């Protein structure tokens, strides 16, 4: 018995949620970077509040802001396209 030929497929990426904003403290401390991380918010405005509060409490000065966008990868038949 012959097995059927494989169906050509391609990987697709689908956005599955709202872009989120986070900040991380990268100030050097005794054992490396601080690493404190803010909550994740829909708006970047909250990051400035968190950064100021962390800087006031710990006197840290270096931060990184990031956006996170949740996505899923799935396989889809190419339907003759590659």
Protein backbone atom coordinates (compact mmCIF):
# COMPACT_ATOMS: atom_id res chain seq x y z
CA UNK A 1 0.00 0.00 0.00
CA UNK A 2 1.35 3.38 -1.00
CA UNK A 3 1.09 6.28 1.43
CA UNK A 4 -0.37 9.55 0.10
CA UNK A 5 1.96 12.35 -0.93
CA UNK A 6 2.50 14.98 1.76
CA UNK A 7 0.47 18.17 1.41
CA UNK A 8 2.64 21.31 1.07
CA UNK A 9 2.26 23.56 4.10
CA UNK A 10 3.52 26.92 5.32
CA UNK A 11 3.89 28.49 8.76
CA UNK A 12 1.70 31.47 9.56
CA UNK A 13 1.86 33.87 12.48
CA UNK A 14 -1.35 35.17 13.97
CA UNK A 15 -1.53 38.04 16.47
CA UNK A 16 -3.56 36.72 19.40
CA UNK A 17 -3.81 39.65 21.76
CA UNK A 18 -3.24 43.29 22.55
CA UNK A 19 0.27 44.74 22.47
CA UNK A 20 1.53 45.10 26.04
CA UNK A 21 4.16 47.47 27.43
CA UNK A 22 6.72 46.54 30.09
CA UNK A 23 9.87 48.06 31.58
CA UNK A 24 12.89 46.41 33.16
CA UNK A 25 15.57 47.91 35.37
CA UNK A 26 19.02 47.15 33.94
CA UNK A 27 21.01 49.20 36.45
CA UNK A 28 24.18 47.37 37.49
CA UNK A 29 24.09 46.20 41.09
CA UNK A 30 26.35 43.94 43.16
CA UNK A 31 25.40 40.64 41.43
CA UNK A 32 24.64 41.95 37.91
CA UNK A 33 21.69 43.89 36.52
CA UNK A 34 18.82 44.66 38.90
CA UNK A 35 16.28 42.83 36.73
CA UNK A 36 13.19 44.32 38.39
CA UNK A 37 10.33 44.21 35.91
CA UNK A 38 7.17 46.29 35.81
CA UNK A 39 3.70 44.93 35.37
CA UNK A 40 2.47 44.65 31.80
CA UNK A 41 0.05 47.36 30.62
CA UNK A 42 -1.95 48.24 27.50
CA UNK A 43 -0.60 51.80 27.69
CA UNK A 44 3.02 52.92 27.89
CA UNK A 45 2.09 55.79 30.22
CA UNK A 46 2.10 53.50 33.27
CA UNK A 47 5.74 52.59 32.59
CA UNK A 48 6.95 56.11 33.34
CA UNK A 49 5.16 56.03 36.70
CA UNK A 50 6.73 52.67 37.55
CA UNK A 51 10.20 53.79 36.40
CA UNK A 52 10.05 56.96 38.51
CA UNK A 53 8.87 55.04 41.58
CA UNK A 54 11.61 52.40 41.19
CA UNK A 55 14.26 55.09 40.62
CA UNK A 56 13.09 56.98 43.71
CA UNK A 57 13.06 53.87 45.92
CA UNK A 58 16.34 52.26 44.78
CA UNK A 59 18.18 55.18 43.12
CA UNK A 60 18.51 53.13 39.92
CA UNK A 61 19.02 55.01 36.67
CA UNK A 62 18.96 52.60 33.68
CA UNK A 63 15.81 51.01 32.29
CA UNK A 64 14.65 49.31 29.10
CA UNK A 65 11.12 49.66 27.75
CA UNK A 66 9.69 46.85 25.63
CA UNK A 67 6.49 45.97 23.87
CA UNK A 68 5.20 42.42 23.84
CA UNK A 69 2.73 41.17 21.29
CA UNK A 70 1.34 37.67 21.82
CA UNK A 71 1.29 35.55 18.67
CA UNK A 72 0.63 31.94 17.70
CA UNK A 73 2.34 30.02 14.91
CA UNK A 74 0.29 27.48 13.00
CA UNK A 75 0.69 25.37 9.91
CA UNK A 76 -1.63 25.95 6.96
CA UNK A 77 -1.87 24.13 3.63
CA UNK A 78 -0.34 26.19 0.82
CA UNK A 79 -3.14 25.37 -1.68
CA UNK A 80 -0.70 25.26 -4.56
CA UNK A 81 1.31 28.31 -3.40
CA UNK A 82 4.68 28.18 -1.72
